[in-house]
Amino acid sequence: MKNTLRNTLIALVTFSSSAFAAGSTSASGGGLLLSLFVGFFALIIVCQLVPATIMLIGILKGLFSRDSKEVASH
């Protein structure tokens, strides 16, 4: 059991060393395509927030309005 665990750890360290030496993770390393990808989804979120805000304002106006109208029942 100790031998298997030792061999597994040696293999893990050996094969993962190239992943640790892959390079730096700088903020400017993303490139244009990554910026367009993030910007596209930010645009989708903003476009959904505008109608939601308008609807929330309408709901709040309806809840806090002093004008009370009776609904005619059939």
PDB file of N, CA and C in Angstrom:
ATOM      1  N   MET A   1       0.823  -1.194   0.000  1.00  0.00           N
ATOM      2  CA  MET A   1       0.000   0.000   0.000  1.00  0.00           C
ATOM      3  C   MET A   1       0.870   1.262   0.000  1.00  0.00           C
ATOM      4  N   LYS A   2       1.939   1.245   0.809  1.00  0.00           N
ATOM      5  CA  LYS A   2       2.830   2.398   0.848  1.00  0.00           C
ATOM      6  C   LYS A   2       3.527   2.595  -0.486  1.00  0.00           C
ATOM      7  N   ASN A   3       3.879   1.503  -1.111  1.00  0.00           N
ATOM      8  CA  ASN A   3       4.572   1.566  -2.387  1.00  0.00           C
ATOM      9  C   ASN A   3       3.666   2.161  -3.467  1.00  0.00           C
ATOM     10  N   THR A   4       2.398   1.781  -3.466  1.00  0.00           N
ATOM     11  CA  THR A   4       1.440   2.305  -4.444  1.00  0.00           C
ATOM     12  C   THR A   4       1.198   3.795  -4.227  1.00  0.00           C
ATOM     13  N   LEU A   5       1.055   4.182  -2.973  1.00  0.00           N
ATOM     14  CA  LEU A   5       0.843   5.593  -2.657  1.00  0.00           C
ATOM     15  C   LEU A   5       2.060   6.427  -3.050  1.00  0.00           C
ATOM     16  N   ARG A   6       3.256   5.913  -2.773  1.00  0.00           N
ATOM     17  CA  ARG A   6       4.476   6.628  -3.126  1.00  0.00           C
ATOM     18  C   ARG A   6       4.598   6.775  -4.638  1.00  0.00           C
ATOM     19  N   ASN A   7       4.308   5.712  -5.387  1.00  0.00           N
ATOM     20  CA  ASN A   7       4.396   5.777  -6.849  1.00  0.00           C
ATOM     21  C   ASN A   7       3.349   6.726  -7.429  1.00  0.00           C
ATOM     22  N   THR A   8       2.175   6.744  -6.827  1.00  0.00           N
ATOM     23  CA  THR A   8       1.134   7.653  -7.292  1.00  0.00           C
ATOM     24  C   THR A   8       1.542   9.100  -7.077  1.00  0.00           C
ATOM     25  N   LEU A   9       2.100   9.404  -5.922  1.00  0.00           N
ATOM     26  CA  LEU A   9       2.540  10.773  -5.653  1.00  0.00           C
ATOM     27  C   LEU A   9       3.705  11.183  -6.555  1.00  0.00           C
ATOM     28  N   ILE A  10       4.607  10.279  -6.815  1.00  0.00           N
ATOM     29  CA  ILE A  10       5.724  10.588  -7.722  1.00  0.00           C
ATOM     30  C   ILE A  10       5.201  10.873  -9.129  1.00  0.00           C
ATOM     31  N   ALA A  11       4.263  10.063  -9.601  1.00  0.00           N
ATOM     32  CA  ALA A  11       3.689  10.282 -10.934  1.00  0.00           C
ATOM     33  C   ALA A  11       2.932  11.596 -10.985  1.00  0.00           C
ATOM     34  N   LEU A  12       2.202  11.920  -9.917  1.00  0.00           N
ATOM     35  CA  LEU A  12       1.434  13.163  -9.873  1.00  0.00           C
ATOM     36  C   LEU A  12       2.357  14.373  -9.936  1.00  0.00           C
ATOM     37  N   VAL A  13       3.415  14.359  -9.161  1.00  0.00           N
ATOM     38  CA  VAL A  13       4.365  15.478  -9.164  1.00  0.00           C
ATOM     39  C   VAL A  13       5.096  15.573 -10.497  1.00  0.00           C
ATOM     40  N   THR A  14       5.450  14.443 -11.072  1.00  0.00           N
ATOM     41  CA  THR A  14       6.193  14.444 -12.329  1.00  0.00           C
ATOM     42  C   THR A  14       5.355  14.990 -13.481  1.00  0.00           C
ATOM     43  N   PHE A  15       4.127  14.542 -13.573  1.00  0.00           N
ATOM     44  CA  PHE A  15       3.301  14.954 -14.707  1.00  0.00           C
ATOM     45  C   PHE A  15       2.684  16.337 -14.533  1.00  0.00           C
ATOM     46  N   SER A  16       2.554  16.820 -13.309  1.00  0.00           N
ATOM     47  CA  SER A  16       1.964  18.138 -13.108  1.00  0.00           C
ATOM     48  C   SER A  16       2.995  19.258 -13.131  1.00  0.00           C
ATOM     49  N   SER A  17       4.263  18.932 -13.158  1.00  0.00           N
ATOM     50  CA  SER A  17       5.285  19.980 -13.152  1.00  0.00           C
ATOM     51  C   SER A  17       5.227  20.816 -14.422  1.00  0.00           C
ATOM     52  N   SER A  18       4.869  20.229 -15.547  1.00  0.00           N
ATOM     53  CA  SER A  18       4.779  21.007 -16.778  1.00  0.00           C
ATOM     54  C   SER A  18       3.583  21.955 -16.747  1.00  0.00           C
ATOM     55  N   ALA A  19       2.540  21.604 -16.022  1.00  0.00           N
ATOM     56  CA  ALA A  19       1.392  22.500 -15.909  1.00  0.00           C
ATOM     57  C   ALA A  19       1.728  23.706 -15.050  1.00  0.00           C
ATOM     58  N   PHE A  20       2.543  23.511 -14.007  1.00  0.00           N
ATOM     59  CA  PHE A  20       2.933  24.631 -13.164  1.00  0.00           C
ATOM     60  C   PHE A  20       3.897  25.566 -13.875  1.00  0.00           C
ATOM     61  N   ALA A  21       4.638  25.078 -14.828  1.00  0.00           N
ATOM     62  CA  ALA A  21       5.598  25.888 -15.559  1.00  0.00           C
ATOM     63  C   ALA A  21       5.027  26.394 -16.878  1.00  0.00           C
ATOM     64  N   ALA A  22       3.711  26.413 -17.013  1.00  0.00           N
ATOM     65  CA  ALA A  22       3.093  26.759 -18.286  1.00  0.00           C
ATOM     66  C   ALA A  22       3.232  28.232 -18.629  1.00  0.00           C
ATOM     67  N   GLY A  23       3.403  29.086 -17.668  1.00  0.00           N
ATOM     68  CA  GLY A  23       3.560  30.495 -17.976  1.00  0.00           C
ATOM     69  C   GLY A  23       2.856  31.342 -16.952  1.00  0.00           C
ATOM     70  N   SER A  24       2.982  32.622 -17.126  1.00  0.00           N
ATOM     71  CA  SER A  24       2.383  33.540 -16.161  1.00  0.00           C
ATOM     72  C   SER A  24       0.930  33.797 -16.517  1.00  0.00           C
ATOM     73  N   THR A  25       0.169  34.134 -15.511  1.00  0.00           N
ATOM     74  CA  THR A  25      -1.234  34.470 -15.715  1.00  0.00           C
ATOM     75  C   THR A  25      -1.399  35.970 -15.508  1.00  0.00           C
ATOM     76  N   SER A  26      -1.074  36.738 -16.515  1.00  0.00           N
ATOM     77  CA  SER A  26      -1.186  38.184 -16.416  1.00  0.00           C
ATOM     78  C   SER A  26      -2.567  38.628 -16.886  1.00  0.00           C
ATOM     79  N   ALA A  27      -2.946  39.821 -16.500  1.00  0.00           N
ATOM     80  CA  ALA A  27      -4.273  40.340 -16.838  1.00  0.00           C
ATOM     81  C   ALA A  27      -4.397  40.656 -18.325  1.00  0.00           C
ATOM     82  N   SER A  28      -3.312  40.986 -18.986  1.00  0.00           N
ATOM     83  CA  SER A  28      -3.375  41.360 -20.393  1.00  0.00           C
ATOM     84  C   SER A  28      -3.183  40.168 -21.325  1.00  0.00           C
ATOM     85  N   GLY A  29      -3.102  38.973 -20.791  1.00  0.00           N
ATOM     86  CA  GLY A  29      -2.831  37.807 -21.611  1.00  0.00           C
ATOM     87  C   GLY A  29      -4.070  37.224 -22.269  1.00  0.00           C
ATOM     88  N   GLY A  30      -5.247  37.771 -22.039  1.00  0.00           N
ATOM     89  CA  GLY A  30      -6.472  37.203 -22.553  1.00  0.00           C
ATOM     90  C   GLY A  30      -6.655  37.384 -24.041  1.00  0.00           C
ATOM     91  N   GLY A  31      -6.380  38.535 -24.528  1.00  0.00           N
ATOM     92  CA  GLY A  31      -6.517  38.800 -25.938  1.00  0.00           C
ATOM     93  C   GLY A  31      -7.866  39.392 -26.300  1.00  0.00           C
ATOM     94  N   LEU A  32      -8.016  39.657 -27.569  1.00  0.00           N
ATOM     95  CA  LEU A  32      -9.210  40.331 -28.069  1.00  0.00           C
ATOM     96  C   LEU A  32     -10.437  39.432 -28.006  1.00  0.00           C
ATOM     97  N   LEU A  33     -10.279  38.161 -28.309  1.00  0.00           N
ATOM     98  CA  LEU A  33     -11.422  37.256 -28.330  1.00  0.00           C
ATOM     99  C   LEU A  33     -12.036  37.088 -26.949  1.00  0.00           C
ATOM    100  N   LEU A  34     -11.226  37.024 -25.919  1.00  0.00           N
ATOM    101  CA  LEU A  34     -11.728  36.910 -24.555  1.00  0.00           C
ATOM    102  C   LEU A  34     -12.472  38.175 -24.148  1.00  0.00           C
ATOM    103  N   SER A  35     -11.953  39.314 -24.535  1.00  0.00           N
ATOM    104  CA  SER A  35     -12.619  40.580 -24.222  1.00  0.00           C
ATOM    105  C   SER A  35     -13.972  40.672 -24.920  1.00  0.00           C
ATOM    106  N   LEU A  36     -14.040  40.240 -26.165  1.00  0.00           N
ATOM    107  CA  LEU A  36     -15.313  40.254 -26.881  1.00  0.00           C
ATOM    108  C   LEU A  36     -16.309  39.276 -26.259  1.00  0.00           C
ATOM    109  N   PHE A  37     -15.835  38.135 -25.808  1.00  0.00           N
ATOM    110  CA  PHE A  37     -16.687  37.128 -25.172  1.00  0.00           C
ATOM    111  C   PHE A  37     -17.300  37.678 -23.888  1.00  0.00           C
ATOM    112  N   VAL A  38     -16.473  38.275 -23.043  1.00  0.00           N
ATOM    113  CA  VAL A  38     -16.971  38.837 -21.782  1.00  0.00           C
ATOM    114  C   VAL A  38     -17.871  40.035 -22.055  1.00  0.00           C
ATOM    115  N   GLY A  39     -17.505  40.861 -23.010  1.00  0.00           N
ATOM    116  CA  GLY A  39     -18.328  42.020 -23.347  1.00  0.00           C
ATOM    117  C   GLY A  39     -19.686  41.644 -23.901  1.00  0.00           C
ATOM    118  N   PHE A  40     -19.753  40.565 -24.667  1.00  0.00           N
ATOM    119  CA  PHE A  40     -21.031  40.108 -25.212  1.00  0.00           C
ATOM    120  C   PHE A  40     -21.989  39.709 -24.103  1.00  0.00           C
ATOM    121  N   PHE A  41     -21.487  38.955 -23.121  1.00  0.00           N
ATOM    122  CA  PHE A  41     -22.359  38.545 -22.030  1.00  0.00           C
ATOM    123  C   PHE A  41     -22.703  39.700 -21.102  1.00  0.00           C
ATOM    124  N   ALA A  42     -21.810  40.677 -20.967  1.00  0.00           N
ATOM    125  CA  ALA A  42     -22.138  41.879 -20.202  1.00  0.00           C
ATOM    126  C   ALA A  42     -23.245  42.663 -20.904  1.00  0.00           C
ATOM    127  N   LEU A  43     -23.215  42.707 -22.223  1.00  0.00           N
ATOM    128  CA  LEU A  43     -24.263  43.382 -22.979  1.00  0.00           C
ATOM    129  C   LEU A  43     -25.604  42.687 -22.811  1.00  0.00           C
ATOM    130  N   ILE A  44     -25.605  41.370 -22.794  1.00  0.00           N
ATOM    131  CA  ILE A  44     -26.846  40.622 -22.576  1.00  0.00           C
ATOM    132  C   ILE A  44     -27.425  40.939 -21.206  1.00  0.00           C
ATOM    133  N   ILE A  45     -26.582  40.988 -20.180  1.00  0.00           N
ATOM    134  CA  ILE A  45     -27.064  41.275 -18.828  1.00  0.00           C
ATOM    135  C   ILE A  45     -27.627  42.688 -18.738  1.00  0.00           C
ATOM    136  N   VAL A  46     -26.951  43.653 -19.328  1.00  0.00           N
ATOM    137  CA  VAL A  46     -27.431  45.034 -19.295  1.00  0.00           C
ATOM    138  C   VAL A  46     -28.751  45.164 -20.045  1.00  0.00           C
ATOM    139  N   CYS A  47     -28.877  44.495 -21.169  1.00  0.00           N
ATOM    140  CA  CYS A  47     -30.120  44.562 -21.945  1.00  0.00           C
ATOM    141  C   CYS A  47     -31.285  43.917 -21.196  1.00  0.00           C
ATOM    142  N   GLN A  48     -31.024  42.997 -20.304  1.00  0.00           N
ATOM    143  CA  GLN A  48     -32.086  42.404 -19.502  1.00  0.00           C
ATOM    144  C   GLN A  48     -32.394  43.245 -18.267  1.00  0.00           C
ATOM    145  N   LEU A  49     -31.437  44.028 -17.803  1.00  0.00           N
ATOM    146  CA  LEU A  49     -31.666  44.849 -16.622  1.00  0.00           C
ATOM    147  C   LEU A  49     -32.541  46.064 -16.910  1.00  0.00           C
ATOM    148  N   VAL A  50     -32.484  46.599 -18.117  1.00  0.00           N
ATOM    149  CA  VAL A  50     -33.268  47.792 -18.449  1.00  0.00           C
ATOM    150  C   VAL A  50     -34.768  47.506 -18.374  1.00  0.00           C
ATOM    151  N   PRO A  51     -35.317  46.477 -19.029  1.00  0.00           N
ATOM    152  CA  PRO A  51     -36.751  46.210 -18.887  1.00  0.00           C
ATOM    153  C   PRO A  51     -37.137  45.771 -17.475  1.00  0.00           C
ATOM    154  N   ALA A  52     -36.245  45.080 -16.788  1.00  0.00           N
ATOM    155  CA  ALA A  52     -36.544  44.662 -15.418  1.00  0.00           C
ATOM    156  C   ALA A  52     -36.662  45.872 -14.499  1.00  0.00           C
ATOM    157  N   THR A  53     -35.816  46.866 -14.698  1.00  0.00           N
ATOM    158  CA  THR A  53     -35.882  48.079 -13.884  1.00  0.00           C
ATOM    159  C   THR A  53     -37.153  48.855 -14.175  1.00  0.00           C
ATOM    160  N   ILE A  54     -37.533  48.943 -15.426  1.00  0.00           N
ATOM    161  CA  ILE A  54     -38.767  49.639 -15.787  1.00  0.00           C
ATOM    162  C   ILE A  54     -39.977  48.920 -15.186  1.00  0.00           C
ATOM    163  N   MET A  55     -39.973  47.592 -15.218  1.00  0.00           N
ATOM    164  CA  MET A  55     -41.068  46.832 -14.640  1.00  0.00           C
ATOM    165  C   MET A  55     -41.113  46.990 -13.116  1.00  0.00           C
ATOM    166  N   LEU A  56     -39.964  47.023 -12.461  1.00  0.00           N
ATOM    167  CA  LEU A  56     -39.915  47.201 -11.018  1.00  0.00           C
ATOM    168  C   LEU A  56     -40.459  48.565 -10.622  1.00  0.00           C
ATOM    169  N   ILE A  57     -40.124  49.593 -11.380  1.00  0.00           N
ATOM    170  CA  ILE A  57     -40.647  50.928 -11.101  1.00  0.00           C
ATOM    171  C   ILE A  57     -42.161  50.947 -11.263  1.00  0.00           C
ATOM    172  N   GLY A  58     -42.676  50.283 -12.295  1.00  0.00           N
ATOM    173  CA  GLY A  58     -44.130  50.212 -12.488  1.00  0.00           C
ATOM    174  C   GLY A  58     -44.822  49.466 -11.361  1.00  0.00           C
ATOM    175  N   ILE A  59     -44.225  48.385 -10.894  1.00  0.00           N
ATOM    176  CA  ILE A  59     -44.808  47.625  -9.782  1.00  0.00           C
ATOM    177  C   ILE A  59     -44.827  48.464  -8.512  1.00  0.00           C
ATOM    178  N   LEU A  60     -43.717  49.162  -8.245  1.00  0.00           N
ATOM    179  CA  LEU A  60     -43.663  49.997  -7.051  1.00  0.00           C
ATOM    180  C   LEU A  60     -44.649  51.154  -7.121  1.00  0.00           C
ATOM    181  N   LYS A  61     -44.821  51.739  -8.297  1.00  0.00           N
ATOM    182  CA  LYS A  61     -45.824  52.793  -8.449  1.00  0.00           C
ATOM    183  C   LYS A  61     -47.221  52.235  -8.209  1.00  0.00           C
ATOM    184  N   GLY A  62     -47.491  51.037  -8.693  1.00  0.00           N
ATOM    185  CA  GLY A  62     -48.802  50.431  -8.488  1.00  0.00           C
ATOM    186  C   GLY A  62     -49.059  50.068  -7.035  1.00  0.00           C
ATOM    187  N   LEU A  63     -48.031  49.644  -6.327  1.00  0.00           N
ATOM    188  CA  LEU A  63     -48.209  49.275  -4.929  1.00  0.00           C
ATOM    189  C   LEU A  63     -48.395  50.479  -4.022  1.00  0.00           C
ATOM    190  N   PHE A  64     -47.686  51.547  -4.298  1.00  0.00           N
ATOM    191  CA  PHE A  64     -47.699  52.690  -3.395  1.00  0.00           C
ATOM    192  C   PHE A  64     -48.531  53.865  -3.900  1.00  0.00           C
ATOM    193  N   SER A  65     -49.361  53.640  -4.891  1.00  0.00           N
ATOM    194  CA  SER A  65     -50.207  54.732  -5.375  1.00  0.00           C
ATOM    195  C   SER A  65     -51.390  54.912  -4.425  1.00  0.00           C
ATOM    196  N   ARG A  66     -51.853  56.140  -4.281  1.00  0.00           N
ATOM    197  CA  ARG A  66     -52.970  56.439  -3.392  1.00  0.00           C
ATOM    198  C   ARG A  66     -54.312  56.223  -4.087  1.00  0.00           C
ATOM    199  N   ASP A  67     -54.285  56.134  -5.388  1.00  0.00           N
ATOM    200  CA  ASP A  67     -55.513  55.962  -6.155  1.00  0.00           C
ATOM    201  C   ASP A  67     -55.992  54.528  -6.041  1.00  0.00           C
ATOM    202  N   SER A  68     -57.148  54.315  -5.423  1.00  0.00           N
ATOM    203  CA  SER A  68     -57.663  52.959  -5.293  1.00  0.00           C
ATOM    204  C   SER A  68     -58.858  52.795  -6.216  1.00  0.00           C
ATOM    205  N   LYS A  69     -58.762  51.864  -7.121  1.00  0.00           N
ATOM    206  CA  LYS A  69     -59.841  51.601  -8.071  1.00  0.00           C
ATOM    207  C   LYS A  69     -60.475  50.265  -7.709  1.00  0.00           C
ATOM    208  N   GLU A  70     -61.780  50.207  -7.806  1.00  0.00           N
ATOM    209  CA  GLU A  70     -62.469  48.947  -7.544  1.00  0.00           C
ATOM    210  C   GLU A  70     -62.529  48.145  -8.838  1.00  0.00           C
ATOM    211  N   VAL A  71     -62.319  46.879  -8.706  1.00  0.00           N
ATOM    212  CA  VAL A  71     -62.396  45.987  -9.840  1.00  0.00           C
ATOM    213  C   VAL A  71     -63.811  45.453  -9.912  1.00  0.00           C
ATOM    214  N   ALA A  72     -64.439  45.601 -11.093  1.00  0.00           N
ATOM    215  CA  ALA A  72     -65.817  45.138 -11.255  1.00  0.00           C
ATOM    216  C   ALA A  72     -65.811  43.628 -11.417  1.00  0.00           C
ATOM    217  N   SER A  73     -66.597  42.961 -10.607  1.00  0.00           N
ATOM    218  CA  SER A  73     -66.679  41.495 -10.708  1.00  0.00           C
ATOM    219  C   SER A  73     -67.889  41.126 -11.552  1.00  0.00           C
ATOM    220  N   HIS A  74     -67.804  40.050 -12.274  1.00  0.00           N
ATOM    221  CA  HIS A  74     -68.887  39.634 -13.156  1.00  0.00           C
ATOM    222  C   HIS A  74     -69.781  38.687 -12.464  1.00  0.00           C
TER     223      HIS A  74
END
